[in-house]
Amino acid sequence: MSQNPLASPAVRYGIGASGALAVAVVAYLFLDGTTQLVAYAVAVLDMIVTPQILKRAATA
């Protein structure tokens, strides 16, 4: 039986960082003003919360 890939912190944080990077790039290229700042906040939140959710999923 193979090990769950979500058990690795590098994979969890990589997934969170890639999602945050995608949101930040879209915000930089297509948004402006307050909407851009909100998108950056969502990107930061994604980078922080996603690995924690994936850690719980790996242990379930």
PDB file of N, CA and C in Angstrom:
ATOM      1  N   MET A   1       0.849  -1.170   0.000  1.00  0.00           N
ATOM      2  CA  MET A   1       0.000   0.000   0.000  1.00  0.00           C
ATOM      3  C   MET A   1       0.901   1.243   0.000  1.00  0.00           C
ATOM      4  N   SER A   2       0.604   2.209  -0.839  1.00  0.00           N
ATOM      5  CA  SER A   2       1.442   3.399  -0.936  1.00  0.00           C
ATOM      6  C   SER A   2       1.060   4.431   0.121  1.00  0.00           C
ATOM      7  N   GLN A   3       2.044   5.252   0.447  1.00  0.00           N
ATOM      8  CA  GLN A   3       1.825   6.296   1.450  1.00  0.00           C
ATOM      9  C   GLN A   3       1.019   7.444   0.852  1.00  0.00           C
ATOM     10  N   ASN A   4       0.205   8.062   1.670  1.00  0.00           N
ATOM     11  CA  ASN A   4      -0.599   9.200   1.250  1.00  0.00           C
ATOM     12  C   ASN A   4       0.324  10.384   0.932  1.00  0.00           C
ATOM     13  N   PRO A   5       0.242  10.969  -0.264  1.00  0.00           N
ATOM     14  CA  PRO A   5       1.126  12.091  -0.590  1.00  0.00           C
ATOM     15  C   PRO A   5       0.849  13.332   0.265  1.00  0.00           C
ATOM     16  N   LEU A   6      -0.347  13.439   0.814  1.00  0.00           N
ATOM     17  CA  LEU A   6      -0.667  14.583   1.662  1.00  0.00           C
ATOM     18  C   LEU A   6      -0.003  14.494   3.030  1.00  0.00           C
ATOM     19  N   ALA A   7       0.636  13.374   3.326  1.00  0.00           N
ATOM     20  CA  ALA A   7       1.339  13.245   4.596  1.00  0.00           C
ATOM     21  C   ALA A   7       2.615  14.075   4.599  1.00  0.00           C
ATOM     22  N   SER A   8       3.112  14.436   3.436  1.00  0.00           N
ATOM     23  CA  SER A   8       4.335  15.226   3.328  1.00  0.00           C
ATOM     24  C   SER A   8       4.021  16.717   3.446  1.00  0.00           C
ATOM     25  N   PRO A   9       4.682  17.413   4.378  1.00  0.00           N
ATOM     26  CA  PRO A   9       4.455  18.855   4.504  1.00  0.00           C
ATOM     27  C   PRO A   9       4.839  19.617   3.236  1.00  0.00           C
ATOM     28  N   ALA A  10       5.849  19.159   2.517  1.00  0.00           N
ATOM     29  CA  ALA A  10       6.264  19.848   1.288  1.00  0.00           C
ATOM     30  C   ALA A  10       5.145  19.836   0.256  1.00  0.00           C
ATOM     31  N   VAL A  11       4.428  18.736   0.149  1.00  0.00           N
ATOM     32  CA  VAL A  11       3.317  18.648  -0.799  1.00  0.00           C
ATOM     33  C   VAL A  11       2.183  19.560  -0.355  1.00  0.00           C
ATOM     34  N   ARG A  12       1.856  19.527   0.924  1.00  0.00           N
ATOM     35  CA  ARG A  12       0.763  20.365   1.424  1.00  0.00           C
ATOM     36  C   ARG A  12       1.050  21.849   1.219  1.00  0.00           C
ATOM     37  N   TYR A  13       2.242  22.280   1.590  1.00  0.00           N
ATOM     38  CA  TYR A  13       2.578  23.692   1.435  1.00  0.00           C
ATOM     39  C   TYR A  13       2.769  24.059  -0.037  1.00  0.00           C
ATOM     40  N   GLY A  14       3.206  23.122  -0.843  1.00  0.00           N
ATOM     41  CA  GLY A  14       3.316  23.376  -2.275  1.00  0.00           C
ATOM     42  C   GLY A  14       1.966  23.611  -2.921  1.00  0.00           C
ATOM     43  N   ILE A  15       0.983  22.840  -2.525  1.00  0.00           N
ATOM     44  CA  ILE A  15      -0.375  23.028  -3.049  1.00  0.00           C
ATOM     45  C   ILE A  15      -0.930  24.377  -2.607  1.00  0.00           C
ATOM     46  N   GLY A  16      -0.731  24.723  -1.354  1.00  0.00           N
ATOM     47  CA  GLY A  16      -1.194  26.020  -0.858  1.00  0.00           C
ATOM     48  C   GLY A  16      -0.500  27.184  -1.552  1.00  0.00           C
ATOM     49  N   ALA A  17       0.810  27.049  -1.752  1.00  0.00           N
ATOM     50  CA  ALA A  17       1.566  28.123  -2.406  1.00  0.00           C
ATOM     51  C   ALA A  17       1.187  28.269  -3.872  1.00  0.00           C
ATOM     52  N   SER A  18       0.934  27.155  -4.545  1.00  0.00           N
ATOM     53  CA  SER A  18       0.574  27.250  -5.963  1.00  0.00           C
ATOM     54  C   SER A  18      -0.793  27.907  -6.140  1.00  0.00           C
ATOM     55  N   GLY A  19      -1.723  27.605  -5.268  1.00  0.00           N
ATOM     56  CA  GLY A  19      -3.027  28.258  -5.327  1.00  0.00           C
ATOM     57  C   GLY A  19      -2.921  29.745  -5.031  1.00  0.00           C
ATOM     58  N   ALA A  20      -2.114  30.077  -4.033  1.00  0.00           N
ATOM     59  CA  ALA A  20      -1.922  31.483  -3.675  1.00  0.00           C
ATOM     60  C   ALA A  20      -1.224  32.237  -4.800  1.00  0.00           C
ATOM     61  N   LEU A  21      -0.272  31.597  -5.440  1.00  0.00           N
ATOM     62  CA  LEU A  21       0.428  32.230  -6.558  1.00  0.00           C
ATOM     63  C   LEU A  21      -0.522  32.513  -7.713  1.00  0.00           C
ATOM     64  N   ALA A  22      -1.399  31.577  -7.996  1.00  0.00           N
ATOM     65  CA  ALA A  22      -2.368  31.770  -9.082  1.00  0.00           C
ATOM     66  C   ALA A  22      -3.290  32.950  -8.787  1.00  0.00           C
ATOM     67  N   VAL A  23      -3.780  33.047  -7.565  1.00  0.00           N
ATOM     68  CA  VAL A  23      -4.658  34.158  -7.194  1.00  0.00           C
ATOM     69  C   VAL A  23      -3.895  35.477  -7.263  1.00  0.00           C
ATOM     70  N   ALA A  24      -2.661  35.491  -6.791  1.00  0.00           N
ATOM     71  CA  ALA A  24      -1.874  36.721  -6.799  1.00  0.00           C
ATOM     72  C   ALA A  24      -1.563  37.182  -8.221  1.00  0.00           C
ATOM     73  N   VAL A  25      -1.276  36.258  -9.119  1.00  0.00           N
ATOM     74  CA  VAL A  25      -0.993  36.618 -10.511  1.00  0.00           C
ATOM     75  C   VAL A  25      -2.236  37.202 -11.175  1.00  0.00           C
ATOM     76  N   VAL A  26      -3.382  36.581 -10.954  1.00  0.00           N
ATOM     77  CA  VAL A  26      -4.626  37.110 -11.520  1.00  0.00           C
ATOM     78  C   VAL A  26      -4.913  38.499 -10.950  1.00  0.00           C
ATOM     79  N   ALA A  27      -4.695  38.668  -9.656  1.00  0.00           N
ATOM     80  CA  ALA A  27      -4.929  39.978  -9.033  1.00  0.00           C
ATOM     81  C   ALA A  27      -4.002  41.033  -9.625  1.00  0.00           C
ATOM     82  N   TYR A  28      -2.757  40.682  -9.818  1.00  0.00           N
ATOM     83  CA  TYR A  28      -1.784  41.646 -10.343  1.00  0.00           C
ATOM     84  C   TYR A  28      -2.088  42.028 -11.788  1.00  0.00           C
ATOM     85  N   LEU A  29      -2.469  41.045 -12.592  1.00  0.00           N
ATOM     86  CA  LEU A  29      -2.657  41.288 -14.018  1.00  0.00           C
ATOM     87  C   LEU A  29      -4.011  41.887 -14.376  1.00  0.00           C
ATOM     88  N   PHE A  30      -5.060  41.535 -13.643  1.00  0.00           N
ATOM     89  CA  PHE A  30      -6.405  41.878 -14.081  1.00  0.00           C
ATOM     90  C   PHE A  30      -7.205  42.760 -13.133  1.00  0.00           C
ATOM     91  N   LEU A  31      -6.756  42.925 -11.903  1.00  0.00           N
ATOM     92  CA  LEU A  31      -7.546  43.682 -10.931  1.00  0.00           C
ATOM     93  C   LEU A  31      -6.811  44.943 -10.518  1.00  0.00           C
ATOM     94  N   ASP A  32      -7.550  45.871  -9.925  1.00  0.00           N
ATOM     95  CA  ASP A  32      -6.926  47.079  -9.411  1.00  0.00           C
ATOM     96  C   ASP A  32      -7.700  47.599  -8.199  1.00  0.00           C
ATOM     97  N   GLY A  33      -7.045  48.466  -7.470  1.00  0.00           N
ATOM     98  CA  GLY A  33      -7.685  49.091  -6.320  1.00  0.00           C
ATOM     99  C   GLY A  33      -7.968  48.131  -5.183  1.00  0.00           C
ATOM    100  N   THR A  34      -9.103  48.351  -4.558  1.00  0.00           N
ATOM    101  CA  THR A  34      -9.500  47.553  -3.393  1.00  0.00           C
ATOM    102  C   THR A  34      -9.706  46.088  -3.748  1.00  0.00           C
ATOM    103  N   THR A  35     -10.202  45.829  -4.933  1.00  0.00           N
ATOM    104  CA  THR A  35     -10.419  44.446  -5.365  1.00  0.00           C
ATOM    105  C   THR A  35      -9.096  43.686  -5.424  1.00  0.00           C
ATOM    106  N   GLN A  36      -8.051  44.355  -5.880  1.00  0.00           N
ATOM    107  CA  GLN A  36      -6.739  43.725  -5.937  1.00  0.00           C
ATOM    108  C   GLN A  36      -6.232  43.403  -4.531  1.00  0.00           C
ATOM    109  N   LEU A  37      -6.433  44.315  -3.603  1.00  0.00           N
ATOM    110  CA  LEU A  37      -5.992  44.080  -2.227  1.00  0.00           C
ATOM    111  C   LEU A  37      -6.752  42.927  -1.580  1.00  0.00           C
ATOM    112  N   VAL A  38      -8.042  42.847  -1.865  1.00  0.00           N
ATOM    113  CA  VAL A  38      -8.839  41.734  -1.334  1.00  0.00           C
ATOM    114  C   VAL A  38      -8.348  40.411  -1.917  1.00  0.00           C
ATOM    115  N   ALA A  39      -8.024  40.404  -3.189  1.00  0.00           N
ATOM    116  CA  ALA A  39      -7.510  39.178  -3.811  1.00  0.00           C
ATOM    117  C   ALA A  39      -6.163  38.780  -3.196  1.00  0.00           C
ATOM    118  N   TYR A  40      -5.309  39.755  -2.901  1.00  0.00           N
ATOM    119  CA  TYR A  40      -4.041  39.446  -2.231  1.00  0.00           C
ATOM    120  C   TYR A  40      -4.292  38.854  -0.841  1.00  0.00           C
ATOM    121  N   ALA A  41      -5.286  39.377  -0.138  1.00  0.00           N
ATOM    122  CA  ALA A  41      -5.636  38.829   1.175  1.00  0.00           C
ATOM    123  C   ALA A  41      -6.129  37.394   1.054  1.00  0.00           C
ATOM    124  N   VAL A  42      -6.907  37.121   0.022  1.00  0.00           N
ATOM    125  CA  VAL A  42      -7.380  35.754  -0.222  1.00  0.00           C
ATOM    126  C   VAL A  42      -6.197  34.839  -0.518  1.00  0.00           C
ATOM    127  N   ALA A  43      -5.218  35.331  -1.256  1.00  0.00           N
ATOM    128  CA  ALA A  43      -4.032  34.536  -1.564  1.00  0.00           C
ATOM    129  C   ALA A  43      -3.255  34.188  -0.294  1.00  0.00           C
ATOM    130  N   VAL A  44      -3.098  35.154   0.578  1.00  0.00           N
ATOM    131  CA  VAL A  44      -2.395  34.893   1.841  1.00  0.00           C
ATOM    132  C   VAL A  44      -3.173  33.892   2.683  1.00  0.00           C
ATOM    133  N   LEU A  45      -4.471  34.068   2.743  1.00  0.00           N
ATOM    134  CA  LEU A  45      -5.313  33.145   3.496  1.00  0.00           C
ATOM    135  C   LEU A  45      -5.224  31.730   2.914  1.00  0.00           C
ATOM    136  N   ASP A  46      -5.203  31.641   1.592  1.00  0.00           N
ATOM    137  CA  ASP A  46      -5.079  30.349   0.925  1.00  0.00           C
ATOM    138  C   ASP A  46      -3.755  29.688   1.284  1.00  0.00           C
ATOM    139  N   MET A  47      -2.684  30.464   1.328  1.00  0.00           N
ATOM    140  CA  MET A  47      -1.376  29.897   1.635  1.00  0.00           C
ATOM    141  C   MET A  47      -1.290  29.408   3.076  1.00  0.00           C
ATOM    142  N   ILE A  48      -2.043  30.024   3.965  1.00  0.00           N
ATOM    143  CA  ILE A  48      -1.991  29.645   5.374  1.00  0.00           C
ATOM    144  C   ILE A  48      -2.952  28.506   5.701  1.00  0.00           C
ATOM    145  N   VAL A  49      -4.160  28.569   5.172  1.00  0.00           N
ATOM    146  CA  VAL A  49      -5.215  27.638   5.583  1.00  0.00           C
ATOM    147  C   VAL A  49      -5.165  26.310   4.825  1.00  0.00           C
ATOM    148  N   THR A  50      -4.854  26.340   3.552  1.00  0.00           N
ATOM    149  CA  THR A  50      -4.891  25.119   2.740  1.00  0.00           C
ATOM    150  C   THR A  50      -4.012  24.000   3.303  1.00  0.00           C
ATOM    151  N   PRO A  51      -2.766  24.257   3.694  1.00  0.00           N
ATOM    152  CA  PRO A  51      -1.967  23.158   4.257  1.00  0.00           C
ATOM    153  C   PRO A  51      -2.569  22.559   5.536  1.00  0.00           C
ATOM    154  N   GLN A  52      -3.224  23.396   6.336  1.00  0.00           N
ATOM    155  CA  GLN A  52      -3.842  22.873   7.562  1.00  0.00           C
ATOM    156  C   GLN A  52      -5.016  21.962   7.238  1.00  0.00           C
ATOM    157  N   ILE A  53      -5.805  22.349   6.239  1.00  0.00           N
ATOM    158  CA  ILE A  53      -6.943  21.511   5.830  1.00  0.00           C
ATOM    159  C   ILE A  53      -6.447  20.207   5.233  1.00  0.00           C
ATOM    160  N   LEU A  54      -5.409  20.285   4.411  1.00  0.00           N
ATOM    161  CA  LEU A  54      -4.865  19.061   3.809  1.00  0.00           C
ATOM    162  C   LEU A  54      -4.231  18.149   4.847  1.00  0.00           C
ATOM    163  N   LYS A  55      -3.662  18.710   5.894  1.00  0.00           N
ATOM    164  CA  LYS A  55      -3.096  17.886   6.977  1.00  0.00           C
ATOM    165  C   LYS A  55      -4.197  17.085   7.667  1.00  0.00           C
ATOM    166  N   ARG A  56      -5.330  17.746   7.898  1.00  0.00           N
ATOM    167  CA  ARG A  56      -6.470  17.035   8.508  1.00  0.00           C
ATOM    168  C   ARG A  56      -6.985  15.946   7.573  1.00  0.00           C
ATOM    169  N   ALA A  57      -6.996  16.234   6.280  1.00  0.00           N
ATOM    170  CA  ALA A  57      -7.451  15.235   5.318  1.00  0.00           C
ATOM    171  C   ALA A  57      -6.499  14.042   5.268  1.00  0.00           C
ATOM    172  N   ALA A  58      -5.219  14.283   5.443  1.00  0.00           N
ATOM    173  CA  ALA A  58      -4.231  13.199   5.393  1.00  0.00           C
ATOM    174  C   ALA A  58      -4.352  12.283   6.599  1.00  0.00           C
ATOM    175  N   THR A  59      -4.766  12.819   7.737  1.00  0.00           N
ATOM    176  CA  THR A  59      -4.861  11.990   8.941  1.00  0.00           C
ATOM    177  C   THR A  59      -6.210  11.300   9.070  1.00  0.00           C
ATOM    178  N   ALA A  60      -7.187  11.696   8.272  1.00  0.00           N
ATOM    179  CA  ALA A  60      -8.525  11.096   8.368  1.00  0.00           C
ATOM    180  C   ALA A  60      -8.571   9.737   7.698  1.00  0.00           C
TER     181      ALA A  60
END
